[in-house]
Amino acid sequence: MFDEELFQEKYKIESTRLPHWDYSDSGLYFITICTKDRIEYFGRIKNEIMFLNQYGSIICQEIYKTPLIRKNVIIDEFIIMPNHIHLILEIDNTLNKYRRDEASPRLYVGKYSNMSKISPKPNSLSSIIGSLKSVITKRIHQNGLIDFQWQSRFYDHVIRNEEDLYRIKEYIRTNPLYWYRDRNKK
């Protein structure tokens, strides 16, 4: 049972989000999503090339579907690695202002009504990534890997200029080259 008085900010995990940034606003975002315990589920690196297995292929399919389902999302660049995904995702609210993401905000009532304040906003980065992680997990479980789990959070970086974008694109493209050096770096 959740008790607000028990923790009183004692075990609060600080947000890595950019202060005062609305993550449902139009913008470019660099995202990294890791598997729980960095288990290598999605394929392997051989001769500095990533070879996807059936689970990695599921992720690839769902990433390609994302802009078809969420009309305000553009996938700029991505790579699926054995235990994580890197992608550059653009939220463009000028494409379709009235479309909402698949996930609806949670509405809490009663004792825990304050929880609604921390639920992801529709069309926000958290909502989009949460939906993507959810559908991938469901499909992977349906394909026989019932123990599969994601790390609970994801890393994001707001891309602020062309130089930043170029640097991140290069990092994504060359990620398999450095796999054996960086594979379990935290």
Protein backbone atom coordinates (compact mmCIF):
# COMPACT_ATOMS: atom_id res chain seq x y z
CA MET A 1 0.00 0.00 0.00
CA PHE A 2 1.36 3.43 -0.93
CA ASP A 3 1.64 5.84 2.00
CA GLU A 4 2.56 9.43 1.15
CA GLU A 5 3.57 10.22 4.72
CA LEU A 6 5.92 7.23 5.00
CA PHE A 7 8.47 8.47 2.47
CA GLN A 8 8.12 12.27 2.80
CA GLU A 9 10.64 12.99 0.03
CA LYS A 10 13.13 10.63 1.73
CA TYR A 11 13.52 8.26 -1.24
CA LYS A 12 12.74 10.70 -3.98
CA ILE A 13 14.51 9.98 -7.27
CA GLU A 14 15.57 13.22 -8.93
CA SER A 15 14.29 13.72 -12.45
CA THR A 16 16.74 13.78 -15.32
CA ARG A 17 14.30 15.85 -17.36
CA LEU A 18 15.15 19.35 -18.56
CA PRO A 19 13.59 21.79 -16.07
CA HIS A 20 10.71 23.90 -17.42
CA TRP A 21 10.59 21.96 -20.72
CA ASP A 22 7.18 20.69 -21.82
CA TYR A 23 7.86 17.21 -23.22
CA SER A 24 4.68 17.36 -25.28
CA ASP A 25 6.01 20.38 -27.22
CA SER A 26 7.39 20.04 -30.73
CA GLY A 27 11.07 19.16 -30.71
CA LEU A 28 13.78 16.60 -31.44
CA TYR A 29 14.63 14.07 -28.73
CA PHE A 30 17.46 11.54 -28.43
CA ILE A 31 16.15 8.46 -26.60
CA THR A 32 17.88 5.40 -25.17
CA ILE A 33 15.79 2.50 -23.90
CA CYS A 34 17.59 -0.41 -22.17
CA THR A 35 16.55 -3.91 -21.24
CA LYS A 36 16.29 -4.82 -17.58
CA ASP A 37 19.70 -5.90 -16.26
CA ARG A 38 21.10 -5.19 -19.74
CA ILE A 39 20.22 -8.68 -20.94
CA GLU A 40 20.99 -9.11 -24.64
CA TYR A 41 17.63 -10.05 -26.18
CA PHE A 42 17.63 -8.41 -29.62
CA GLY A 43 20.45 -10.01 -31.61
CA ARG A 44 24.22 -9.88 -31.77
CA ILE A 45 27.10 -7.84 -33.09
CA LYS A 46 29.38 -9.63 -35.53
CA ASN A 47 32.20 -7.86 -37.36
CA GLU A 48 30.88 -4.53 -36.05
CA ILE A 49 27.44 -5.10 -37.66
CA MET A 50 24.21 -5.60 -35.72
CA PHE A 51 22.25 -8.72 -36.69
CA LEU A 52 18.68 -8.66 -35.39
CA ASN A 53 16.96 -11.78 -34.15
CA GLN A 54 13.16 -12.20 -34.11
CA TYR A 55 12.82 -9.92 -31.07
CA GLY A 56 14.98 -7.21 -32.60
CA SER A 57 12.86 -7.47 -35.75
CA ILE A 58 9.71 -6.89 -33.67
CA ILE A 59 11.24 -3.68 -32.34
CA CYS A 60 12.17 -2.56 -35.84
CA GLN A 61 8.60 -3.16 -37.05
CA GLU A 62 7.10 -1.22 -34.14
CA ILE A 63 9.48 1.72 -34.58
CA TYR A 64 8.49 1.93 -38.26
CA LYS A 65 4.79 1.80 -37.28
CA THR A 66 5.14 4.62 -34.74
CA PRO A 67 4.68 7.55 -37.20
CA LEU A 68 1.73 5.75 -38.81
CA ILE A 69 -0.05 5.44 -35.47
CA ARG A 70 1.04 8.75 -33.96
CA LYS A 71 0.70 11.33 -36.72
CA ASN A 72 2.71 13.94 -34.81
CA VAL A 73 5.80 11.71 -34.49
CA ILE A 74 8.68 11.40 -36.95
CA ILE A 75 11.46 8.85 -36.45
CA ASP A 76 14.65 10.47 -37.72
CA GLU A 77 17.29 7.84 -36.96
CA PHE A 78 17.51 4.68 -34.86
CA ILE A 79 19.55 1.59 -34.10
CA ILE A 80 18.64 -1.54 -32.23
CA MET A 81 21.54 -2.97 -30.25
CA PRO A 82 21.63 -6.33 -28.38
CA ASN A 83 20.35 -4.79 -25.11
CA HIS A 84 19.18 -1.28 -25.94
CA ILE A 85 17.70 1.03 -28.54
CA HIS A 86 18.87 4.50 -29.56
CA LEU A 87 16.54 6.71 -31.53
CA ILE A 88 15.98 10.28 -32.55
CA LEU A 89 12.29 11.05 -32.34
CA GLU A 90 10.65 14.28 -33.42
CA ILE A 91 7.37 15.48 -31.98
CA ASP A 92 5.80 17.82 -34.54
CA ASN A 93 2.50 19.20 -33.30
CA THR A 94 1.96 21.13 -36.53
CA LEU A 95 1.27 17.84 -38.38
CA ASN A 96 -2.01 17.05 -36.65
CA LYS A 97 -2.96 19.09 -33.61
CA TYR A 98 -6.05 17.05 -32.80
CA ARG A 99 -4.62 13.54 -32.77
CA ARG A 100 -3.85 12.15 -29.36
CA ASP A 101 -1.45 9.37 -28.45
CA GLU A 102 -2.79 5.88 -27.81
CA ALA A 103 -2.24 6.12 -24.06
CA SER A 104 -4.74 8.19 -22.13
CA PRO A 105 -3.83 10.04 -18.96
CA ARG A 106 -4.58 8.09 -15.81
CA LEU A 107 -7.25 9.59 -13.63
CA TYR A 108 -6.91 8.80 -9.94
CA VAL A 109 -9.66 9.55 -7.48
CA GLY A 110 -9.94 9.45 -3.72
CA LYS A 111 -6.92 9.20 -1.46
CA TYR A 112 -4.37 9.16 -4.32
CA SER A 113 -5.86 11.88 -6.55
CA ASN A 114 -2.47 13.66 -6.67
CA MET A 115 -1.15 10.78 -8.78
CA SER A 116 -3.00 12.23 -11.81
CA LYS A 117 -0.53 15.12 -11.75
CA ILE A 118 2.39 12.80 -12.51
CA SER A 119 0.68 10.69 -15.18
CA PRO A 120 2.08 11.25 -18.68
CA LYS A 121 0.30 13.87 -20.78
CA PRO A 122 -1.18 12.57 -24.03
CA ASN A 123 1.27 13.09 -26.93
CA SER A 124 4.14 13.68 -24.51
CA LEU A 125 7.47 11.95 -24.91
CA SER A 126 6.73 9.76 -21.87
CA SER A 127 3.39 8.71 -23.31
CA ILE A 128 4.89 7.90 -26.72
CA ILE A 129 7.81 5.90 -25.28
CA GLY A 130 5.55 4.17 -22.75
CA SER A 131 3.22 3.06 -25.55
CA LEU A 132 6.14 1.89 -27.69
CA LYS A 133 7.67 -0.11 -24.82
CA SER A 134 4.27 -1.61 -24.00
CA VAL A 135 3.46 -2.83 -27.52
CA ILE A 136 6.98 -4.22 -28.00
CA THR A 137 6.77 -6.07 -24.68
CA LYS A 138 3.39 -7.53 -25.57
CA ARG A 139 4.59 -8.76 -28.96
CA ILE A 140 7.82 -10.22 -27.55
CA HIS A 141 5.85 -12.05 -24.85
CA GLN A 142 3.45 -13.37 -27.51
CA ASN A 143 6.47 -14.68 -29.43
CA GLY A 144 7.62 -16.84 -26.53
CA LEU A 145 10.01 -14.68 -24.52
CA ILE A 146 7.83 -14.29 -21.43
CA ASP A 147 10.68 -13.17 -19.13
CA PHE A 148 11.49 -10.10 -21.25
CA GLN A 149 11.44 -6.75 -19.42
CA TRP A 150 12.60 -3.20 -20.04
CA GLN A 151 14.51 -1.05 -17.60
CA SER A 152 11.82 1.01 -15.87
CA ARG A 153 12.96 4.39 -17.18
CA PHE A 154 14.50 5.70 -20.37
CA TYR A 155 17.19 8.27 -21.11
CA ASP A 156 16.26 11.37 -23.07
CA HIS A 157 18.11 14.41 -24.33
CA VAL A 158 16.45 17.43 -25.92
CA ILE A 159 18.33 18.15 -29.16
CA ARG A 160 18.85 21.91 -29.29
CA ASN A 161 20.79 22.60 -32.49
CA GLU A 162 22.16 21.16 -35.76
CA GLU A 163 25.58 20.41 -34.25
CA ASP A 164 23.97 18.39 -31.46
CA LEU A 165 21.78 16.55 -33.99
CA TYR A 166 24.76 15.69 -36.23
CA ARG A 167 26.83 14.45 -33.28
CA ILE A 168 24.00 12.20 -32.04
CA LYS A 169 23.27 10.82 -35.53
CA GLU A 170 26.94 9.91 -35.87
CA TYR A 171 26.88 8.24 -32.45
CA ILE A 172 23.83 6.15 -33.45
CA ARG A 173 25.31 5.14 -36.81
CA THR A 174 28.64 4.08 -35.31
CA ASN A 175 27.27 2.45 -32.15
CA PRO A 176 27.98 -1.15 -33.29
CA LEU A 177 31.65 -0.27 -33.83
CA TYR A 178 32.11 0.33 -30.11
CA TRP A 179 29.86 -2.44 -28.77
CA TYR A 180 32.57 -4.61 -27.23
CA ARG A 181 34.16 -1.62 -25.51
CA ASP A 182 30.93 -0.02 -24.24
CA ARG A 183 28.42 -2.90 -23.94
CA ASN A 184 27.98 -2.81 -20.16
CA LYS A 185 29.14 0.70 -19.40
CA LYS A 186 26.77 2.56 -17.10
